[in-house]
PDB file of all heavy atoms in Angstrom:
ATOM      1  N   ARG A   1       7.686  23.068   2.019  1.00  0.00           N
ATOM      2  CA  ARG A   1       7.683  22.138   0.893  1.00  0.00           C
ATOM      3  C   ARG A   1       8.262  20.776   1.260  1.00  0.00           C
ATOM      4  O   ARG A   1       8.001  19.781   0.579  1.00  0.00           O
ATOM      5  CB  ARG A   1       8.459  22.748  -0.278  1.00  0.00           C
ATOM      6  CG  ARG A   1       7.771  23.934  -0.926  1.00  0.00           C
ATOM      7  CD  ARG A   1       8.673  24.637  -1.919  1.00  0.00           C
ATOM      8  NE  ARG A   1       9.732  25.390  -1.242  1.00  0.00           N
ATOM      9  CZ  ARG A   1      10.603  26.180  -1.855  1.00  0.00           C
ATOM     10  NH1 ARG A   1      10.544  26.305  -3.181  1.00  0.00           N
ATOM     11  NH2 ARG A   1      11.525  26.848  -1.179  1.00  0.00           N
ATOM     12  N   LEU A   2       9.036  20.732   2.313  1.00  0.00           N
ATOM     13  CA  LEU A   2       9.652  19.461   2.707  1.00  0.00           C
ATOM     14  C   LEU A   2       8.599  18.406   3.038  1.00  0.00           C
ATOM     15  O   LEU A   2       8.802  17.219   2.780  1.00  0.00           O
ATOM     16  CB  LEU A   2      10.586  19.676   3.900  1.00  0.00           C
ATOM     17  CG  LEU A   2      11.893  20.404   3.576  1.00  0.00           C
ATOM     18  CD1 LEU A   2      12.583  20.851   4.858  1.00  0.00           C
ATOM     19  CD2 LEU A   2      12.818  19.508   2.753  1.00  0.00           C
ATOM     20  N   LYS A   3       7.472  18.811   3.611  1.00  0.00           N
ATOM     21  CA  LYS A   3       6.406  17.849   3.926  1.00  0.00           C
ATOM     22  C   LYS A   3       5.897  17.179   2.652  1.00  0.00           C
ATOM     23  O   LYS A   3       5.654  15.968   2.627  1.00  0.00           O
ATOM     24  CB  LYS A   3       5.255  18.541   4.643  1.00  0.00           C
ATOM     25  CG  LYS A   3       5.595  19.053   6.038  1.00  0.00           C
ATOM     26  CD  LYS A   3       4.403  19.766   6.654  1.00  0.00           C
ATOM     27  CE  LYS A   3       4.737  20.274   8.052  1.00  0.00           C
ATOM     28  NZ  LYS A   3       3.597  21.013   8.661  1.00  0.00           N
ATOM     29  N   PHE A   4       5.734  17.961   1.619  1.00  0.00           N
ATOM     30  CA  PHE A   4       5.276  17.445   0.328  1.00  0.00           C
ATOM     31  C   PHE A   4       6.249  16.399  -0.199  1.00  0.00           C
ATOM     32  O   PHE A   4       5.865  15.268  -0.533  1.00  0.00           O
ATOM     33  CB  PHE A   4       5.148  18.617  -0.648  1.00  0.00           C
ATOM     34  CG  PHE A   4       4.871  18.249  -2.071  1.00  0.00           C
ATOM     35  CD1 PHE A   4       3.580  18.049  -2.518  1.00  0.00           C
ATOM     36  CD2 PHE A   4       5.915  18.134  -2.985  1.00  0.00           C
ATOM     37  CE1 PHE A   4       3.314  17.730  -3.841  1.00  0.00           C
ATOM     38  CE2 PHE A   4       5.662  17.820  -4.316  1.00  0.00           C
ATOM     39  CZ  PHE A   4       4.366  17.616  -4.741  1.00  0.00           C
ATOM     40  N   TYR A   5       7.517  16.758  -0.256  1.00  0.00           N
ATOM     41  CA  TYR A   5       8.507  15.857  -0.855  1.00  0.00           C
ATOM     42  C   TYR A   5       8.783  14.643   0.022  1.00  0.00           C
ATOM     43  O   TYR A   5       8.941  13.522  -0.493  1.00  0.00           O
ATOM     44  CB  TYR A   5       9.798  16.626  -1.155  1.00  0.00           C
ATOM     45  CG  TYR A   5       9.635  17.581  -2.314  1.00  0.00           C
ATOM     46  CD1 TYR A   5       9.486  18.950  -2.110  1.00  0.00           C
ATOM     47  CD2 TYR A   5       9.597  17.105  -3.621  1.00  0.00           C
ATOM     48  CE1 TYR A   5       9.317  19.821  -3.176  1.00  0.00           C
ATOM     49  CE2 TYR A   5       9.423  17.972  -4.697  1.00  0.00           C
ATOM     50  CZ  TYR A   5       9.281  19.327  -4.468  1.00  0.00           C
ATOM     51  OH  TYR A   5       9.099  20.169  -5.526  1.00  0.00           O
ATOM     52  N   LYS A   6       8.828  14.833   1.326  1.00  0.00           N
ATOM     53  CA  LYS A   6       9.064  13.689   2.211  1.00  0.00           C
ATOM     54  C   LYS A   6       7.900  12.706   2.160  1.00  0.00           C
ATOM     55  O   LYS A   6       8.097  11.486   2.198  1.00  0.00           O
ATOM     56  CB  LYS A   6       9.281  14.172   3.651  1.00  0.00           C
ATOM     57  CG  LYS A   6      10.633  14.821   3.887  1.00  0.00           C
ATOM     58  CD  LYS A   6      10.770  15.229   5.355  1.00  0.00           C
ATOM     59  CE  LYS A   6      12.153  15.767   5.665  1.00  0.00           C
ATOM     60  NZ  LYS A   6      12.304  16.141   7.087  1.00  0.00           N
ATOM     61  N   GLY A   7       6.681  13.236   2.081  1.00  0.00           N
ATOM     62  CA  GLY A   7       5.514  12.360   1.991  1.00  0.00           C
ATOM     63  C   GLY A   7       5.545  11.529   0.718  1.00  0.00           C
ATOM     64  O   GLY A   7       5.303  10.313   0.743  1.00  0.00           O
ATOM     65  N   ILE A   8       5.874  12.155  -0.394  1.00  0.00           N
ATOM     66  CA  ILE A   8       5.944  11.428  -1.664  1.00  0.00           C
ATOM     67  C   ILE A   8       7.063  10.392  -1.638  1.00  0.00           C
ATOM     68  O   ILE A   8       6.901   9.264  -2.131  1.00  0.00           O
ATOM     69  CB  ILE A   8       6.132  12.414  -2.834  1.00  0.00           C
ATOM     70  CG1 ILE A   8       4.846  13.228  -3.045  1.00  0.00           C
ATOM     71  CG2 ILE A   8       6.505  11.679  -4.122  1.00  0.00           C
ATOM     72  CD1 ILE A   8       4.958  14.309  -4.084  1.00  0.00           C
ATOM     73  N   LEU A   9       8.196  10.751  -1.048  1.00  0.00           N
ATOM     74  CA  LEU A   9       9.315   9.806  -0.977  1.00  0.00           C
ATOM     75  C   LEU A   9       8.919   8.543  -0.212  1.00  0.00           C
ATOM     76  O   LEU A   9       9.269   7.423  -0.621  1.00  0.00           O
ATOM     77  CB  LEU A   9      10.519  10.470  -0.310  1.00  0.00           C
ATOM     78  CG  LEU A   9      11.757   9.591  -0.124  1.00  0.00           C
ATOM     79  CD1 LEU A   9      12.261   9.066  -1.466  1.00  0.00           C
ATOM     80  CD2 LEU A   9      12.846  10.366   0.603  1.00  0.00           C
ATOM     81  N   LEU A  10       8.172   8.702   0.856  1.00  0.00           N
ATOM     82  CA  LEU A  10       7.715   7.535   1.618  1.00  0.00           C
ATOM     83  C   LEU A  10       6.790   6.656   0.786  1.00  0.00           C
ATOM     84  O   LEU A  10       6.831   5.425   0.885  1.00  0.00           O
ATOM     85  CB  LEU A  10       7.024   7.983   2.911  1.00  0.00           C
ATOM     86  CG  LEU A  10       7.929   8.568   3.993  1.00  0.00           C
ATOM     87  CD1 LEU A  10       7.089   9.129   5.137  1.00  0.00           C
ATOM     88  CD2 LEU A  10       8.901   7.507   4.529  1.00  0.00           C
ATOM     89  N   VAL A  11       5.959   7.282  -0.039  1.00  0.00           N
ATOM     90  CA  VAL A  11       5.076   6.505  -0.918  1.00  0.00           C
ATOM     91  C   VAL A  11       5.908   5.734  -1.935  1.00  0.00           C
ATOM     92  O   VAL A  11       5.666   4.536  -2.185  1.00  0.00           O
ATOM     93  CB  VAL A  11       4.055   7.418  -1.622  1.00  0.00           C
ATOM     94  CG1 VAL A  11       3.175   6.586  -2.567  1.00  0.00           C
ATOM     95  CG2 VAL A  11       3.174   8.148  -0.600  1.00  0.00           C
ATOM     96  N   ILE A  12       6.890   6.393  -2.524  1.00  0.00           N
ATOM     97  CA  ILE A  12       7.747   5.736  -3.522  1.00  0.00           C
ATOM     98  C   ILE A  12       8.491   4.560  -2.903  1.00  0.00           C
ATOM     99  O   ILE A  12       8.593   3.475  -3.490  1.00  0.00           O
ATOM    100  CB  ILE A  12       8.744   6.750  -4.124  1.00  0.00           C
ATOM    101  CG1 ILE A  12       8.009   7.742  -5.034  1.00  0.00           C
ATOM    102  CG2 ILE A  12       9.848   6.040  -4.916  1.00  0.00           C
ATOM    103  CD1 ILE A  12       8.861   8.884  -5.548  1.00  0.00           C
ATOM    104  N   ASP A  13       9.022   4.766  -1.694  1.00  0.00           N
ATOM    105  CA  ASP A  13       9.799   3.714  -1.030  1.00  0.00           C
ATOM    106  C   ASP A  13       8.922   2.659  -0.366  1.00  0.00           C
ATOM    107  O   ASP A  13       9.431   1.622   0.083  1.00  0.00           O
ATOM    108  CB  ASP A  13      10.722   4.335   0.022  1.00  0.00           C
ATOM    109  CG  ASP A  13      11.893   5.085  -0.599  1.00  0.00           C
ATOM    110  OD1 ASP A  13      12.156   4.868  -1.800  1.00  0.00           O
ATOM    111  OD2 ASP A  13      12.535   5.886   0.097  1.00  0.00           O
ATOM    112  N   GLY A  14       7.604   2.919  -0.303  1.00  0.00           N
ATOM    113  CA  GLY A  14       6.696   1.966   0.336  1.00  0.00           C
ATOM    114  C   GLY A  14       6.932   1.845   1.828  1.00  0.00           C
ATOM    115  O   GLY A  14       6.754   0.767   2.420  1.00  0.00           O
ATOM    116  N   LYS A  15       7.314   2.945   2.458  1.00  0.00           N
ATOM    117  CA  LYS A  15       7.632   2.934   3.883  1.00  0.00           C
ATOM    118  C   LYS A  15       6.666   3.822   4.668  1.00  0.00           C
ATOM    119  O   LYS A  15       6.249   4.874   4.196  1.00  0.00           O
ATOM    120  CB  LYS A  15       9.064   3.424   4.114  1.00  0.00           C
ATOM    121  CG  LYS A  15      10.144   2.544   3.499  1.00  0.00           C
ATOM    122  CD  LYS A  15      11.516   3.153   3.739  1.00  0.00           C
ATOM    123  CE  LYS A  15      12.627   2.302   3.142  1.00  0.00           C
ATOM    124  NZ  LYS A  15      13.961   2.911   3.314  1.00  0.00           N
ATOM    125  N   ASN A  16       6.338   3.385   5.860  1.00  0.00           N
ATOM    126  CA  ASN A  16       5.596   4.184   6.836  1.00  0.00           C
ATOM    127  C   ASN A  16       4.411   4.925   6.211  1.00  0.00           C
ATOM    128  O   ASN A  16       4.396   6.159   6.153  1.00  0.00           O
ATOM    129  CB  ASN A  16       6.541   5.186   7.504  1.00  0.00           C
ATOM    130  CG  ASN A  16       6.024   5.645   8.855  1.00  0.00           C
ATOM    131  OD1 ASN A  16       4.826   5.535   9.129  1.00  0.00           O
ATOM    132  ND2 ASN A  16       6.897   6.163   9.688  1.00  0.00           N
ATOM    133  N   PRO A  17       3.397   4.194   5.758  1.00  0.00           N
ATOM    134  CA  PRO A  17       2.265   4.844   5.083  1.00  0.00           C
ATOM    135  C   PRO A  17       1.519   5.853   5.955  1.00  0.00           C
ATOM    136  O   PRO A  17       1.011   6.853   5.434  1.00  0.00           O
ATOM    137  CB  PRO A  17       1.363   3.671   4.684  1.00  0.00           C
ATOM    138  CG  PRO A  17       1.789   2.534   5.543  1.00  0.00           C
ATOM    139  CD  PRO A  17       3.245   2.728   5.794  1.00  0.00           C
ATOM    140  N   SER A  18       1.461   5.613   7.252  1.00  0.00           N
ATOM    141  CA  SER A  18       0.760   6.570   8.121  1.00  0.00           C
ATOM    142  C   SER A  18       1.501   7.901   8.172  1.00  0.00           C
ATOM    143  O   SER A  18       0.877   8.971   8.191  1.00  0.00           O
ATOM    144  CB  SER A  18       0.592   5.994   9.533  1.00  0.00           C
ATOM    145  OG  SER A  18       1.846   5.744  10.129  1.00  0.00           O
ATOM    146  N   GLU A  19       2.830   7.845   8.191  1.00  0.00           N
ATOM    147  CA  GLU A  19       3.619   9.082   8.174  1.00  0.00           C
ATOM    148  C   GLU A  19       3.497   9.781   6.817  1.00  0.00           C
ATOM    149  O   GLU A  19       3.396  11.016   6.753  1.00  0.00           O
ATOM    150  CB  GLU A  19       5.086   8.770   8.473  1.00  0.00           C
ATOM    151  CG  GLU A  19       6.020   9.968   8.424  1.00  0.00           C
ATOM    152  CD  GLU A  19       5.783  10.977   9.540  1.00  0.00           C
ATOM    153  OE1 GLU A  19       4.972  10.683  10.456  1.00  0.00           O
ATOM    154  OE2 GLU A  19       6.384  12.061   9.495  1.00  0.00           O
ATOM    155  N   ALA A  20       3.487   9.011   5.741  1.00  0.00           N
ATOM    156  CA  ALA A  20       3.307   9.596   4.415  1.00  0.00           C
ATOM    157  C   ALA A  20       1.973  10.324   4.324  1.00  0.00           C
ATOM    158  O   ALA A  20       1.885  11.461   3.830  1.00  0.00           O
ATOM    159  CB  ALA A  20       3.386   8.504   3.352  1.00  0.00           C
ATOM    160  N   GLU A  21       0.922   9.682   4.810  1.00  0.00           N
ATOM    161  CA  GLU A  21      -0.408  10.293   4.802  1.00  0.00           C
ATOM    162  C   GLU A  21      -0.422  11.571   5.624  1.00  0.00           C
ATOM    163  O   GLU A  21      -0.954  12.606   5.201  1.00  0.00           O
ATOM    164  CB  GLU A  21      -1.436   9.302   5.348  1.00  0.00           C
ATOM    165  CG  GLU A  21      -2.855   9.852   5.407  1.00  0.00           C
ATOM    166  CD  GLU A  21      -3.809   8.853   6.031  1.00  0.00           C
ATOM    167  OE1 GLU A  21      -3.397   8.098   6.943  1.00  0.00           O
ATOM    168  OE2 GLU A  21      -4.986   8.831   5.616  1.00  0.00           O
ATOM    169  N   SER A  22       0.192  11.535   6.803  1.00  0.00           N
ATOM    170  CA  SER A  22       0.218  12.696   7.688  1.00  0.00           C
ATOM    171  C   SER A  22       0.958  13.865   7.043  1.00  0.00           C
ATOM    172  O   SER A  22       0.505  15.012   7.103  1.00  0.00           O
ATOM    173  CB  SER A  22       0.880  12.323   9.017  1.00  0.00           C
ATOM    174  OG  SER A  22       1.000  13.455   9.852  1.00  0.00           O
ATOM    175  N   LEU A  23       2.097  13.583   6.422  1.00  0.00           N
ATOM    176  CA  LEU A  23       2.883  14.645   5.798  1.00  0.00           C
ATOM    177  C   LEU A  23       2.134  15.294   4.637  1.00  0.00           C
ATOM    178  O   LEU A  23       2.094  16.525   4.518  1.00  0.00           O
ATOM    179  CB  LEU A  23       4.216  14.082   5.304  1.00  0.00           C
ATOM    180  CG  LEU A  23       5.263  13.775   6.381  1.00  0.00           C
ATOM    181  CD1 LEU A  23       6.375  12.911   5.808  1.00  0.00           C
ATOM    182  CD2 LEU A  23       5.832  15.070   6.954  1.00  0.00           C
ATOM    183  N   LEU A  24       1.531  14.478   3.784  1.00  0.00           N
ATOM    184  CA  LEU A  24       0.826  15.029   2.635  1.00  0.00           C
ATOM    185  C   LEU A  24      -0.412  15.817   3.061  1.00  0.00           C
ATOM    186  O   LEU A  24      -0.692  16.895   2.519  1.00  0.00           O
ATOM    187  CB  LEU A  24       0.440  13.908   1.669  1.00  0.00           C
ATOM    188  CG  LEU A  24       1.613  13.280   0.905  1.00  0.00           C
ATOM    189  CD1 LEU A  24       1.177  12.010   0.186  1.00  0.00           C
ATOM    190  CD2 LEU A  24       2.208  14.278  -0.094  1.00  0.00           C
TER     191      LEU A  24
END
């Protein structure tokens, strides 16, 4: 579940979109 939450957190913070996409 950490991948789900970490990916969303990156979207909220507007950081590292490629990592957010990869995690989700």
